[in-house]
């Protein structure tokens, strides 16, 4: 994942998978609903690490840092995650 748009899309997909509304996820993660909405749409250029870690924790996800080029693209990762 290399862009905020990809991150936002992944967050939105996971939120929907968990059947959470944006307002509920934002509340649980300590974010404003506006910040979460902007992140999901890829319109938030800056997003702090603490906010990201909190958001991922609520979604049951974790951040993994790897060297560029050692993983597939977002579509490949989604396929791998869904088991297809």
PDB file of N, CA and C in Angstrom:
ATOM      1  N   UNK A   1       0.856  -1.162   0.000  1.00  0.00           N
ATOM      2  CA  UNK A   1       0.000   0.000   0.000  1.00  0.00           C
ATOM      3  C   UNK A   1       0.903   1.227   0.000  1.00  0.00           C
ATOM      4  N   UNK A   2       0.626   2.119  -0.931  1.00  0.00           N
ATOM      5  CA  UNK A   2       1.521   3.254  -1.068  1.00  0.00           C
ATOM      6  C   UNK A   2       0.833   4.606  -1.045  1.00  0.00           C
ATOM      7  N   UNK A   3      -0.483   4.642  -1.035  1.00  0.00           N
ATOM      8  CA  UNK A   3      -1.177   5.932  -1.047  1.00  0.00           C
ATOM      9  C   UNK A   3      -2.232   5.999   0.054  1.00  0.00           C
ATOM     10  N   UNK A   4      -2.612   7.221   0.404  1.00  0.00           N
ATOM     11  CA  UNK A   4      -3.681   7.392   1.395  1.00  0.00           C
ATOM     12  C   UNK A   4      -5.010   6.916   0.830  1.00  0.00           C
ATOM     13  N   UNK A   5      -5.163   6.968  -0.497  1.00  0.00           N
ATOM     14  CA  UNK A   5      -6.385   6.462  -1.114  1.00  0.00           C
ATOM     15  C   UNK A   5      -6.509   4.958  -0.898  1.00  0.00           C
ATOM     16  N   UNK A   6      -5.401   4.233  -1.054  1.00  0.00           N
ATOM     17  CA  UNK A   6      -5.421   2.781  -0.824  1.00  0.00           C
ATOM     18  C   UNK A   6      -5.710   2.467   0.639  1.00  0.00           C
ATOM     19  N   UNK A   7      -5.098   3.219   1.539  1.00  0.00           N
ATOM     20  CA  UNK A   7      -5.344   3.020   2.964  1.00  0.00           C
ATOM     21  C   UNK A   7      -6.812   3.282   3.287  1.00  0.00           C
ATOM     22  N   UNK A   8      -7.340   4.379   2.777  1.00  0.00           N
ATOM     23  CA  UNK A   8      -8.744   4.715   3.016  1.00  0.00           C
ATOM     24  C   UNK A   8      -9.692   3.665   2.497  1.00  0.00           C
ATOM     25  N   UNK A   9      -9.396   3.147   1.319  1.00  0.00           N
ATOM     26  CA  UNK A   9     -10.228   2.105   0.726  1.00  0.00           C
ATOM     27  C   UNK A   9     -10.203   0.834   1.569  1.00  0.00           C
ATOM     28  N   UNK A  10      -9.035   0.477   2.051  1.00  0.00           N
ATOM     29  CA  UNK A  10      -8.906  -0.704   2.897  1.00  0.00           C
ATOM     30  C   UNK A  10      -9.677  -0.537   4.209  1.00  0.00           C
ATOM     31  N   UNK A  11      -9.562   0.634   4.821  1.00  0.00           N
ATOM     32  CA  UNK A  11     -10.286   0.926   6.068  1.00  0.00           C
ATOM     33  C   UNK A  11     -11.794   0.854   5.824  1.00  0.00           C
ATOM     34  N   UNK A  12     -12.257   1.466   4.740  1.00  0.00           N
ATOM     35  CA  UNK A  12     -13.695   1.453   4.432  1.00  0.00           C
ATOM     36  C   UNK A  12     -14.199   0.027   4.204  1.00  0.00           C
ATOM     37  N   UNK A  13     -13.429  -0.757   3.472  1.00  0.00           N
ATOM     38  CA  UNK A  13     -13.825  -2.147   3.207  1.00  0.00           C
ATOM     39  C   UNK A  13     -13.935  -2.954   4.494  1.00  0.00           C
ATOM     40  N   UNK A  14     -12.946  -2.801   5.356  1.00  0.00           N
ATOM     41  CA  UNK A  14     -12.956  -3.540   6.626  1.00  0.00           C
ATOM     42  C   UNK A  14     -14.106  -3.082   7.515  1.00  0.00           C
ATOM     43  N   UNK A  15     -14.361  -1.774   7.550  1.00  0.00           N
ATOM     44  CA  UNK A  15     -15.464  -1.236   8.353  1.00  0.00           C
ATOM     45  C   UNK A  15     -16.788  -1.836   7.890  1.00  0.00           C
ATOM     46  N   UNK A  16     -16.981  -1.872   6.582  1.00  0.00           N
ATOM     47  CA  UNK A  16     -18.225  -2.421   6.035  1.00  0.00           C
ATOM     48  C   UNK A  16     -18.328  -3.918   6.302  1.00  0.00           C
ATOM     49  N   UNK A  17     -17.194  -4.602   6.205  1.00  0.00           N
ATOM     50  CA  UNK A  17     -17.140  -6.035   6.497  1.00  0.00           C
ATOM     51  C   UNK A  17     -17.603  -6.306   7.927  1.00  0.00           C
ATOM     52  N   UNK A  18     -17.233  -5.407   8.843  1.00  0.00           N
ATOM     53  CA  UNK A  18     -17.609  -5.546  10.254  1.00  0.00           C
ATOM     54  C   UNK A  18     -18.978  -4.942  10.559  1.00  0.00           C
ATOM     55  N   UNK A  19     -19.623  -4.395   9.517  1.00  0.00           N
ATOM     56  CA  UNK A  19     -20.951  -3.786   9.643  1.00  0.00           C
ATOM     57  C   UNK A  19     -20.976  -2.637  10.655  1.00  0.00           C
ATOM     58  N   UNK A  20     -19.915  -1.824  10.614  1.00  0.00           N
ATOM     59  CA  UNK A  20     -19.826  -0.649  11.476  1.00  0.00           C
ATOM     60  C   UNK A  20     -20.152   0.604  10.677  1.00  0.00           C
ATOM     61  N   UNK A  21     -20.891   1.493  11.275  1.00  0.00           N
ATOM     62  CA  UNK A  21     -21.123   2.803  10.666  1.00  0.00           C
ATOM     63  C   UNK A  21     -19.892   3.666  10.916  1.00  0.00           C
ATOM     64  N   UNK A  22     -19.685   4.646  10.049  1.00  0.00           N
ATOM     65  CA  UNK A  22     -18.539   5.535  10.224  1.00  0.00           C
ATOM     66  C   UNK A  22     -18.557   6.202  11.593  1.00  0.00           C
ATOM     67  N   UNK A  23     -19.722   6.650  12.021  1.00  0.00           N
ATOM     68  CA  UNK A  23     -19.799   7.343  13.311  1.00  0.00           C
ATOM     69  C   UNK A  23     -19.392   6.437  14.464  1.00  0.00           C
ATOM     70  N   UNK A  24     -19.790   5.167  14.407  1.00  0.00           N
ATOM     71  CA  UNK A  24     -19.452   4.228  15.480  1.00  0.00           C
ATOM     72  C   UNK A  24     -17.954   3.918  15.483  1.00  0.00           C
ATOM     73  N   UNK A  25     -17.397   3.663  14.315  1.00  0.00           N
ATOM     74  CA  UNK A  25     -15.963   3.387  14.233  1.00  0.00           C
ATOM     75  C   UNK A  25     -15.168   4.600  14.697  1.00  0.00           C
ATOM     76  N   UNK A  26     -15.562   5.772  14.261  1.00  0.00           N
ATOM     77  CA  UNK A  26     -14.860   6.995  14.670  1.00  0.00           C
ATOM     78  C   UNK A  26     -14.907   7.151  16.185  1.00  0.00           C
ATOM     79  N   UNK A  27     -16.071   6.937  16.773  1.00  0.00           N
ATOM     80  CA  UNK A  27     -16.215   7.068  18.229  1.00  0.00           C
ATOM     81  C   UNK A  27     -15.307   6.094  18.955  1.00  0.00           C
ATOM     82  N   UNK A  28     -15.315   4.839  18.530  1.00  0.00           N
ATOM     83  CA  UNK A  28     -14.498   3.813  19.187  1.00  0.00           C
ATOM     84  C   UNK A  28     -13.000   4.087  19.058  1.00  0.00           C
ATOM     85  N   UNK A  29     -12.605   4.671  17.930  1.00  0.00           N
ATOM     86  CA  UNK A  29     -11.182   4.934  17.680  1.00  0.00           C
ATOM     87  C   UNK A  29     -10.735   6.300  18.197  1.00  0.00           C
ATOM     88  N   UNK A  30     -11.674   7.095  18.709  1.00  0.00           N
ATOM     89  CA  UNK A  30     -11.314   8.418  19.211  1.00  0.00           C
ATOM     90  C   UNK A  30     -11.056   9.430  18.109  1.00  0.00           C
ATOM     91  N   UNK A  31     -11.749   9.266  16.995  1.00  0.00           N
ATOM     92  CA  UNK A  31     -11.610  10.171  15.853  1.00  0.00           C
ATOM     93  C   UNK A  31     -12.898  10.948  15.648  1.00  0.00           C
ATOM     94  N   UNK A  32     -12.820  12.000  14.870  1.00  0.00           N
ATOM     95  CA  UNK A  32     -14.045  12.669  14.470  1.00  0.00           C
ATOM     96  C   UNK A  32     -14.600  11.925  13.257  1.00  0.00           C
ATOM     97  N   UNK A  33     -15.910  11.881  13.124  1.00  0.00           N
ATOM     98  CA  UNK A  33     -16.488  11.235  11.942  1.00  0.00           C
ATOM     99  C   UNK A  33     -15.994  11.878  10.645  1.00  0.00           C
ATOM    100  N   UNK A  34     -15.778  13.176  10.664  1.00  0.00           N
ATOM    101  CA  UNK A  34     -15.282  13.880   9.476  1.00  0.00           C
ATOM    102  C   UNK A  34     -13.892  13.382   9.086  1.00  0.00           C
ATOM    103  N   UNK A  35     -13.004  13.196  10.053  1.00  0.00           N
ATOM    104  CA  UNK A  35     -11.657  12.695   9.753  1.00  0.00           C
ATOM    105  C   UNK A  35     -11.717  11.303   9.142  1.00  0.00           C
ATOM    106  N   UNK A  36     -12.538  10.438   9.717  1.00  0.00           N
ATOM    107  CA  UNK A  36     -12.669   9.081   9.185  1.00  0.00           C
ATOM    108  C   UNK A  36     -13.233   9.112   7.775  1.00  0.00           C
ATOM    109  N   UNK A  37     -14.247   9.907   7.546  1.00  0.00           N
ATOM    110  CA  UNK A  37     -14.847  10.013   6.223  1.00  0.00           C
ATOM    111  C   UNK A  37     -13.828  10.491   5.197  1.00  0.00           C
ATOM    112  N   UNK A  38     -13.063  11.493   5.557  1.00  0.00           N
ATOM    113  CA  UNK A  38     -12.053  12.020   4.635  1.00  0.00           C
ATOM    114  C   UNK A  38     -10.950  10.988   4.372  1.00  0.00           C
ATOM    115  N   UNK A  39     -10.562  10.239   5.393  1.00  0.00           N
ATOM    116  CA  UNK A  39      -9.563   9.186   5.207  1.00  0.00           C
ATOM    117  C   UNK A  39     -10.085   8.126   4.239  1.00  0.00           C
ATOM    118  N   UNK A  40     -11.313   7.664   4.450  1.00  0.00           N
ATOM    119  CA  UNK A  40     -11.893   6.619   3.612  1.00  0.00           C
ATOM    120  C   UNK A  40     -12.019   7.057   2.154  1.00  0.00           C
ATOM    121  N   UNK A  41     -12.248   8.340   1.930  1.00  0.00           N
ATOM    122  CA  UNK A  41     -12.372   8.855   0.563  1.00  0.00           C
ATOM    123  C   UNK A  41     -11.029   9.234  -0.054  1.00  0.00           C
ATOM    124  N   UNK A  42      -9.955   9.119   0.749  1.00  0.00           N
ATOM    125  CA  UNK A  42      -8.637   9.463   0.238  1.00  0.00           C
ATOM    126  C   UNK A  42      -8.376  10.947   0.164  1.00  0.00           C
ATOM    127  N   UNK A  43      -9.123  11.719   0.951  1.00  0.00           N
ATOM    128  CA  UNK A  43      -8.993  13.179   0.938  1.00  0.00           C
ATOM    129  C   UNK A  43      -8.337  13.720   2.192  1.00  0.00           C
ATOM    130  N   UNK A  44      -7.609  12.909   2.895  1.00  0.00           N
ATOM    131  CA  UNK A  44      -6.936  13.333   4.120  1.00  0.00           C
ATOM    132  C   UNK A  44      -5.444  13.112   3.935  1.00  0.00           C
ATOM    133  N   UNK A  45      -4.724  14.186   3.694  1.00  0.00           N
ATOM    134  CA  UNK A  45      -3.288  14.078   3.394  1.00  0.00           C
ATOM    135  C   UNK A  45      -2.483  13.665   4.618  1.00  0.00           C
ATOM    136  N   UNK A  46      -2.851  14.120   5.783  1.00  0.00           N
ATOM    137  CA  UNK A  46      -2.111  13.830   7.008  1.00  0.00           C
ATOM    138  C   UNK A  46      -2.989  13.029   7.965  1.00  0.00           C
ATOM    139  N   UNK A  47      -2.416  11.970   8.515  1.00  0.00           N
ATOM    140  CA  UNK A  47      -3.137  11.158   9.494  1.00  0.00           C
ATOM    141  C   UNK A  47      -2.101  10.630  10.463  1.00  0.00           C
ATOM    142  N   UNK A  48      -2.190  11.028  11.715  1.00  0.00           N
ATOM    143  CA  UNK A  48      -1.177  10.678  12.707  1.00  0.00           C
ATOM    144  C   UNK A  48      -1.082   9.188  12.988  1.00  0.00           C
ATOM    145  N   UNK A  49       0.094   8.780  13.413  1.00  0.00           N
ATOM    146  CA  UNK A  49       0.355   7.368  13.698  1.00  0.00           C
ATOM    147  C   UNK A  49      -0.521   6.862  14.833  1.00  0.00           C
ATOM    148  N   UNK A  50      -0.682   7.644  15.873  1.00  0.00           N
ATOM    149  CA  UNK A  50      -1.529   7.203  17.002  1.00  0.00           C
ATOM    150  C   UNK A  50      -2.969   6.990  16.551  1.00  0.00           C
ATOM    151  N   UNK A  51      -3.461   7.904  15.727  1.00  0.00           N
ATOM    152  CA  UNK A  51      -4.828   7.761  15.210  1.00  0.00           C
ATOM    153  C   UNK A  51      -4.937   6.502  14.363  1.00  0.00           C
ATOM    154  N   UNK A  52      -3.950   6.282  13.513  1.00  0.00           N
ATOM    155  CA  UNK A  52      -3.967   5.107  12.654  1.00  0.00           C
ATOM    156  C   UNK A  52      -3.924   3.831  13.475  1.00  0.00           C
ATOM    157  N   UNK A  53      -3.056   3.769  14.475  1.00  0.00           N
ATOM    158  CA  UNK A  53      -2.952   2.577  15.316  1.00  0.00           C
ATOM    159  C   UNK A  53      -4.259   2.317  16.069  1.00  0.00           C
ATOM    160  N   UNK A  54      -4.885   3.377  16.561  1.00  0.00           N
ATOM    161  CA  UNK A  54      -6.162   3.238  17.257  1.00  0.00           C
ATOM    162  C   UNK A  54      -7.243   2.723  16.313  1.00  0.00           C
ATOM    163  N   UNK A  55      -7.297   3.294  15.137  1.00  0.00           N
ATOM    164  CA  UNK A  55      -8.275   2.884  14.138  1.00  0.00           C
ATOM    165  C   UNK A  55      -8.084   1.416  13.751  1.00  0.00           C
ATOM    166  N   UNK A  56      -6.854   1.030  13.489  1.00  0.00           N
ATOM    167  CA  UNK A  56      -6.577  -0.358  13.113  1.00  0.00           C
ATOM    168  C   UNK A  56      -6.908  -1.324  14.246  1.00  0.00           C
ATOM    169  N   UNK A  57      -6.648  -0.927  15.479  1.00  0.00           N
ATOM    170  CA  UNK A  57      -6.966  -1.790  16.625  1.00  0.00           C
ATOM    171  C   UNK A  57      -8.464  -2.070  16.684  1.00  0.00           C
ATOM    172  N   UNK A  58      -9.276  -1.043  16.483  1.00  0.00           N
ATOM    173  CA  UNK A  58     -10.733  -1.222  16.515  1.00  0.00           C
ATOM    174  C   UNK A  58     -11.179  -2.136  15.369  1.00  0.00           C
ATOM    175  N   UNK A  59     -10.505  -2.033  14.241  1.00  0.00           N
ATOM    176  CA  UNK A  59     -10.853  -2.858  13.080  1.00  0.00           C
ATOM    177  C   UNK A  59     -10.269  -4.265  13.158  1.00  0.00           C
ATOM    178  N   UNK A  60      -9.479  -4.541  14.204  1.00  0.00           N
ATOM    179  CA  UNK A  60      -8.865  -5.859  14.328  1.00  0.00           C
ATOM    180  C   UNK A  60      -7.754  -6.068  13.318  1.00  0.00           C
ATOM    181  N   UNK A  61      -7.051  -5.000  13.011  1.00  0.00           N
ATOM    182  CA  UNK A  61      -5.969  -5.050  12.025  1.00  0.00           C
ATOM    183  C   UNK A  61      -4.684  -4.552  12.676  1.00  0.00           C
ATOM    184  N   UNK A  62      -3.561  -4.774  11.985  1.00  0.00           N
ATOM    185  CA  UNK A  62      -2.292  -4.265  12.485  1.00  0.00           C
ATOM    186  C   UNK A  62      -1.482  -3.722  11.323  1.00  0.00           C
ATOM    187  N   UNK A  63      -0.575  -2.841  11.624  1.00  0.00           N
ATOM    188  CA  UNK A  63       0.297  -2.249  10.621  1.00  0.00           C
ATOM    189  C   UNK A  63       1.532  -3.118  10.466  1.00  0.00           C
ATOM    190  N   UNK A  64       1.889  -3.391   9.232  1.00  0.00           N
ATOM    191  CA  UNK A  64       3.078  -4.174   8.947  1.00  0.00           C
ATOM    192  C   UNK A  64       3.904  -3.388   7.930  1.00  0.00           C
ATOM    193  N   UNK A  65       5.164  -3.143   8.242  1.00  0.00           N
ATOM    194  CA  UNK A  65       6.030  -2.368   7.366  1.00  0.00           C
ATOM    195  C   UNK A  65       6.998  -3.316   6.672  1.00  0.00           C
ATOM    196  N   UNK A  66       7.052  -3.221   5.350  1.00  0.00           N
ATOM    197  CA  UNK A  66       7.924  -4.070   4.559  1.00  0.00           C
ATOM    198  C   UNK A  66       8.655  -3.231   3.514  1.00  0.00           C
ATOM    199  N   UNK A  67       9.726  -3.773   2.974  1.00  0.00           N
ATOM    200  CA  UNK A  67      10.452  -3.085   1.913  1.00  0.00           C
ATOM    201  C   UNK A  67       9.574  -2.942   0.684  1.00  0.00           C
ATOM    202  N   UNK A  68       9.732  -1.830  -0.011  1.00  0.00           N
ATOM    203  CA  UNK A  68       8.999  -1.608  -1.245  1.00  0.00           C
ATOM    204  C   UNK A  68       9.297  -2.717  -2.245  1.00  0.00           C
ATOM    205  N   UNK A  69       8.252  -3.184  -2.901  1.00  0.00           N
ATOM    206  CA  UNK A  69       8.425  -4.200  -3.925  1.00  0.00           C
ATOM    207  C   UNK A  69       8.412  -5.627  -3.427  1.00  0.00           C
ATOM    208  N   UNK A  70       8.256  -5.829  -2.117  1.00  0.00           N
ATOM    209  CA  UNK A  70       8.273  -7.200  -1.595  1.00  0.00           C
ATOM    210  C   UNK A  70       6.875  -7.769  -1.393  1.00  0.00           C
ATOM    211  N   UNK A  71       5.850  -6.955  -1.660  1.00  0.00           N
ATOM    212  CA  UNK A  71       4.477  -7.440  -1.535  1.00  0.00           C
ATOM    213  C   UNK A  71       3.718  -7.139  -2.812  1.00  0.00           C
ATOM    214  N   UNK A  72       2.549  -7.737  -2.951  1.00  0.00           N
ATOM    215  CA  UNK A  72       1.711  -7.503  -4.123  1.00  0.00           C
ATOM    216  C   UNK A  72       0.993  -6.174  -4.030  1.00  0.00           C
ATOM    217  N   UNK A  73       0.207  -5.882  -5.038  1.00  0.00           N
ATOM    218  CA  UNK A  73      -0.580  -4.653  -5.014  1.00  0.00           C
ATOM    219  C   UNK A  73      -1.834  -4.851  -4.164  1.00  0.00           C
ATOM    220  N   UNK A  74      -2.611  -3.804  -4.008  1.00  0.00           N
ATOM    221  CA  UNK A  74      -3.777  -3.850  -3.124  1.00  0.00           C
ATOM    222  C   UNK A  74      -4.777  -4.915  -3.571  1.00  0.00           C
ATOM    223  N   UNK A  75      -4.999  -5.044  -4.863  1.00  0.00           N
ATOM    224  CA  UNK A  75      -5.937  -6.066  -5.344  1.00  0.00           C
ATOM    225  C   UNK A  75      -5.455  -7.468  -4.998  1.00  0.00           C
ATOM    226  N   UNK A  76      -4.158  -7.720  -5.139  1.00  0.00           N
ATOM    227  CA  UNK A  76      -3.611  -9.037  -4.800  1.00  0.00           C
ATOM    228  C   UNK A  76      -3.747  -9.311  -3.313  1.00  0.00           C
ATOM    229  N   UNK A  77      -3.508  -8.289  -2.495  1.00  0.00           N
ATOM    230  CA  UNK A  77      -3.632  -8.459  -1.053  1.00  0.00           C
ATOM    231  C   UNK A  77      -5.065  -8.718  -0.640  1.00  0.00           C
ATOM    232  N   UNK A  78      -6.015  -8.045  -1.274  1.00  0.00           N
ATOM    233  CA  UNK A  78      -7.420  -8.276  -0.963  1.00  0.00           C
ATOM    234  C   UNK A  78      -7.824  -9.707  -1.320  1.00  0.00           C
ATOM    235  N   UNK A  79      -7.366 -10.184  -2.477  1.00  0.00           N
ATOM    236  CA  UNK A  79      -7.666 -11.563  -2.872  1.00  0.00           C
ATOM    237  C   UNK A  79      -7.091 -12.544  -1.870  1.00  0.00           C
ATOM    238  N   UNK A  80      -5.850 -12.290  -1.446  1.00  0.00           N
ATOM    239  CA  UNK A  80      -5.201 -13.159  -0.475  1.00  0.00           C
ATOM    240  C   UNK A  80      -5.964 -13.155   0.846  1.00  0.00           C
ATOM    241  N   UNK A  81      -6.404 -11.962   1.267  1.00  0.00           N
ATOM    242  CA  UNK A  81      -7.128 -11.822   2.536  1.00  0.00           C
ATOM    243  C   UNK A  81      -8.490 -12.532   2.486  1.00  0.00           C
ATOM    244  N   UNK A  82      -9.153 -12.463   1.323  1.00  0.00           N
ATOM    245  CA  UNK A  82     -10.483 -13.063   1.212  1.00  0.00           C
ATOM    246  C   UNK A  82     -10.432 -14.554   0.908  1.00  0.00           C
ATOM    247  N   UNK A  83      -9.229 -15.074   0.589  1.00  0.00           N
ATOM    248  CA  UNK A  83      -9.074 -16.499   0.344  1.00  0.00           C
ATOM    249  C   UNK A  83      -9.453 -16.939  -1.050  1.00  0.00           C
ATOM    250  N   UNK A  84      -9.569 -15.961  -1.984  1.00  0.00           N
ATOM    251  CA  UNK A  84      -9.925 -16.339  -3.365  1.00  0.00           C
ATOM    252  C   UNK A  84      -8.736 -16.254  -4.277  1.00  0.00           C
TER     253      UNK A  84
END
